[in-house]
Amino acid sequence: MAEQYFNRVDQELANIRTYLESEAIYSIREEQWSMGSRPRWLDQAPEIEARVERGEMSVRAFYFQHHRAQLELLGFDNVFYQYKHGLIDENYWVTVRAAIRDYVQNDPLRKAVYSSNFYPIQEVVQEILNELEVDQTPNSEG
């Protein structure tokens, strides 16, 4: 099972790195954007789309950040897998989880990418999103 997981992750990492390095992919993405095509998860981060539309961020920079966030997430997923299987210690996991929380809390693009994934780490991302929601809820006990 572990070997299958690592093979899947390696293949996905290779695919994303290809996207990051491919001028052809960026050209295709720019053309798709100009025709109104957007990633499905972008509705979770309308401020990012608005920045691109206003010219504050290029389509190329948007997709670069998108692919970089996917790479990060796969790295986090790998660490989560190792944590769940006792291959790394609790202290390291706590540090990684805090980094995920910081990214989700402070970066709308990462939040959208991370929350729309289908990797095992999704349960941690959702847990963090729930914590942040509770943290932002005003205390009703007065």
Protein backbone atom coordinates (compact mmCIF):
# COMPACT_ATOMS: atom_id res chain seq x y z
CA MET A 1 0.00 0.00 0.00
CA ALA A 2 2.77 2.45 0.89
CA GLU A 3 4.49 1.75 -2.41
CA GLN A 4 1.28 2.49 -4.34
CA TYR A 5 0.86 5.75 -2.43
CA PHE A 6 4.42 6.88 -3.13
CA ASN A 7 4.16 5.90 -6.81
CA ARG A 8 0.96 7.93 -7.15
CA VAL A 9 2.52 10.92 -5.43
CA ASP A 10 5.67 10.71 -7.54
CA GLN A 11 3.60 10.69 -10.73
CA GLU A 12 1.48 13.64 -9.60
CA LEU A 13 4.59 15.59 -8.58
CA ALA A 14 6.12 14.94 -11.99
CA ASN A 15 2.94 16.11 -13.73
CA ILE A 16 2.75 19.32 -11.70
CA ARG A 17 6.45 20.05 -12.22
CA THR A 18 5.88 19.65 -15.95
CA TYR A 19 3.08 22.21 -15.75
CA LEU A 20 5.32 24.59 -13.79
CA GLU A 21 8.06 24.39 -16.39
CA SER A 22 6.03 24.25 -19.60
CA GLU A 23 5.67 27.40 -21.67
CA ALA A 24 3.07 25.59 -23.77
CA ILE A 25 0.90 24.91 -20.70
CA TYR A 26 1.04 28.58 -19.68
CA SER A 27 0.08 29.65 -23.20
CA ILE A 28 -2.86 27.24 -23.18
CA ARG A 29 -3.94 28.45 -19.73
CA GLU A 30 -3.77 32.09 -20.85
CA GLU A 31 -5.89 31.30 -23.91
CA GLN A 32 -8.40 29.36 -21.79
CA TRP A 33 -8.59 32.25 -19.33
CA SER A 34 -9.25 34.75 -22.13
CA MET A 35 -12.15 32.53 -23.25
CA GLY A 36 -13.63 32.54 -19.72
CA SER A 37 -12.40 29.16 -18.52
CA ARG A 38 -11.44 29.14 -14.82
CA PRO A 39 -10.46 26.43 -12.32
CA ARG A 40 -13.56 25.11 -10.52
CA TRP A 41 -12.18 26.06 -7.13
CA LEU A 42 -11.66 29.72 -8.06
CA ASP A 43 -15.16 30.59 -6.88
CA GLN A 44 -13.74 30.08 -3.37
CA ALA A 45 -11.26 32.90 -3.97
CA PRO A 46 -13.03 35.63 -5.97
CA GLU A 47 -10.47 38.20 -4.85
CA ILE A 48 -7.77 36.29 -6.75
CA GLU A 49 -9.79 36.26 -9.95
CA ALA A 50 -10.46 39.99 -9.49
CA ARG A 51 -6.71 40.66 -9.14
CA VAL A 52 -6.07 38.87 -12.44
CA GLU A 53 -8.93 40.71 -14.15
CA ARG A 54 -7.58 44.08 -12.90
CA GLY A 55 -4.11 43.19 -14.20
CA GLU A 56 -2.55 43.09 -10.71
CA MET A 57 -1.54 39.47 -11.32
CA SER A 58 -0.92 37.86 -14.68
CA VAL A 59 -2.66 34.65 -15.69
CA ARG A 60 0.79 33.07 -15.86
CA ALA A 61 1.59 34.15 -12.28
CA PHE A 62 -1.81 32.87 -11.13
CA TYR A 63 -1.19 29.42 -12.60
CA PHE A 64 2.37 29.36 -11.33
CA GLN A 65 1.09 29.99 -7.79
CA HIS A 66 -1.68 27.44 -8.32
CA HIS A 67 0.78 24.72 -9.34
CA ARG A 68 3.18 25.67 -6.56
CA ALA A 69 0.34 25.32 -4.04
CA GLN A 70 -0.46 21.89 -5.47
CA LEU A 71 3.18 20.84 -5.04
CA GLU A 72 3.16 22.08 -1.44
CA LEU A 73 -0.05 20.25 -0.75
CA LEU A 74 1.34 16.99 -2.08
CA GLY A 75 4.36 17.48 0.17
CA PHE A 76 2.05 18.03 3.13
CA ASP A 77 0.04 14.98 2.12
CA ASN A 78 3.23 12.92 2.12
CA VAL A 79 4.12 14.14 5.61
CA PHE A 80 0.57 13.41 6.78
CA TYR A 81 0.80 9.88 5.40
CA GLN A 82 4.09 9.35 7.23
CA TYR A 83 2.62 10.78 10.44
CA LYS A 84 -0.42 8.52 10.27
CA HIS A 85 1.86 5.52 9.86
CA GLY A 86 4.19 6.46 12.71
CA LEU A 87 7.14 7.36 10.50
CA ILE A 88 7.57 10.89 11.85
CA ASP A 89 7.18 12.21 15.36
CA GLU A 90 4.35 14.29 16.78
CA ASN A 91 6.45 17.46 17.13
CA TYR A 92 7.32 17.51 13.44
CA TRP A 93 3.68 16.95 12.49
CA VAL A 94 2.53 19.77 14.80
CA THR A 95 4.96 22.13 13.05
CA VAL A 96 3.78 21.09 9.59
CA ARG A 97 0.13 21.39 10.59
CA ALA A 98 0.79 24.90 11.92
CA ALA A 99 2.32 25.84 8.55
CA ILE A 100 -0.76 24.52 6.74
CA ARG A 101 -2.99 26.52 9.07
CA ASP A 102 -0.96 29.68 8.48
CA TYR A 103 -1.13 29.25 4.69
CA VAL A 104 -4.88 28.58 4.74
CA GLN A 105 -5.52 31.51 7.07
CA ASN A 106 -3.40 34.06 5.20
CA ASP A 107 -3.39 33.10 1.52
CA PRO A 108 -6.73 32.92 -0.31
CA LEU A 109 -5.26 31.06 -3.28
CA ARG A 110 -3.68 28.37 -1.11
CA LYS A 111 -6.87 28.13 0.93
CA ALA A 112 -8.89 27.49 -2.22
CA VAL A 113 -6.41 25.00 -3.68
CA TYR A 114 -5.94 23.15 -0.40
CA SER A 115 -9.65 22.96 0.38
CA SER A 116 -10.56 21.63 -3.07
CA ASN A 117 -8.14 18.69 -3.04
CA PHE A 118 -8.97 14.99 -2.91
CA TYR A 119 -5.82 13.79 -1.13
CA PRO A 120 -5.90 12.20 2.33
CA ILE A 121 -4.65 15.53 3.76
CA GLN A 122 -8.13 16.91 2.96
CA GLU A 123 -9.35 15.78 6.40
CA VAL A 124 -6.67 17.92 8.04
CA VAL A 125 -7.42 20.90 5.81
CA GLN A 126 -11.11 20.64 6.64
CA GLU A 127 -10.29 20.35 10.35
CA ILE A 128 -8.21 23.53 10.11
CA LEU A 129 -10.95 25.37 8.19
CA ASN A 130 -13.42 24.39 10.91
CA GLU A 131 -11.03 25.64 13.61
CA LEU A 132 -10.59 28.94 11.80
CA GLU A 133 -14.34 29.31 11.45
CA VAL A 134 -14.78 28.74 15.20
CA ASP A 135 -11.92 31.17 15.93
CA GLN A 136 -13.72 33.86 13.90
CA THR A 137 -17.11 33.27 15.53
CA PRO A 138 -17.82 35.98 18.10
CA ASN A 139 -18.12 34.66 21.63
CA SER A 140 -21.82 34.66 22.43
CA GLU A 141 -21.36 34.19 26.18
CA GLY A 142 -20.76 37.92 26.71
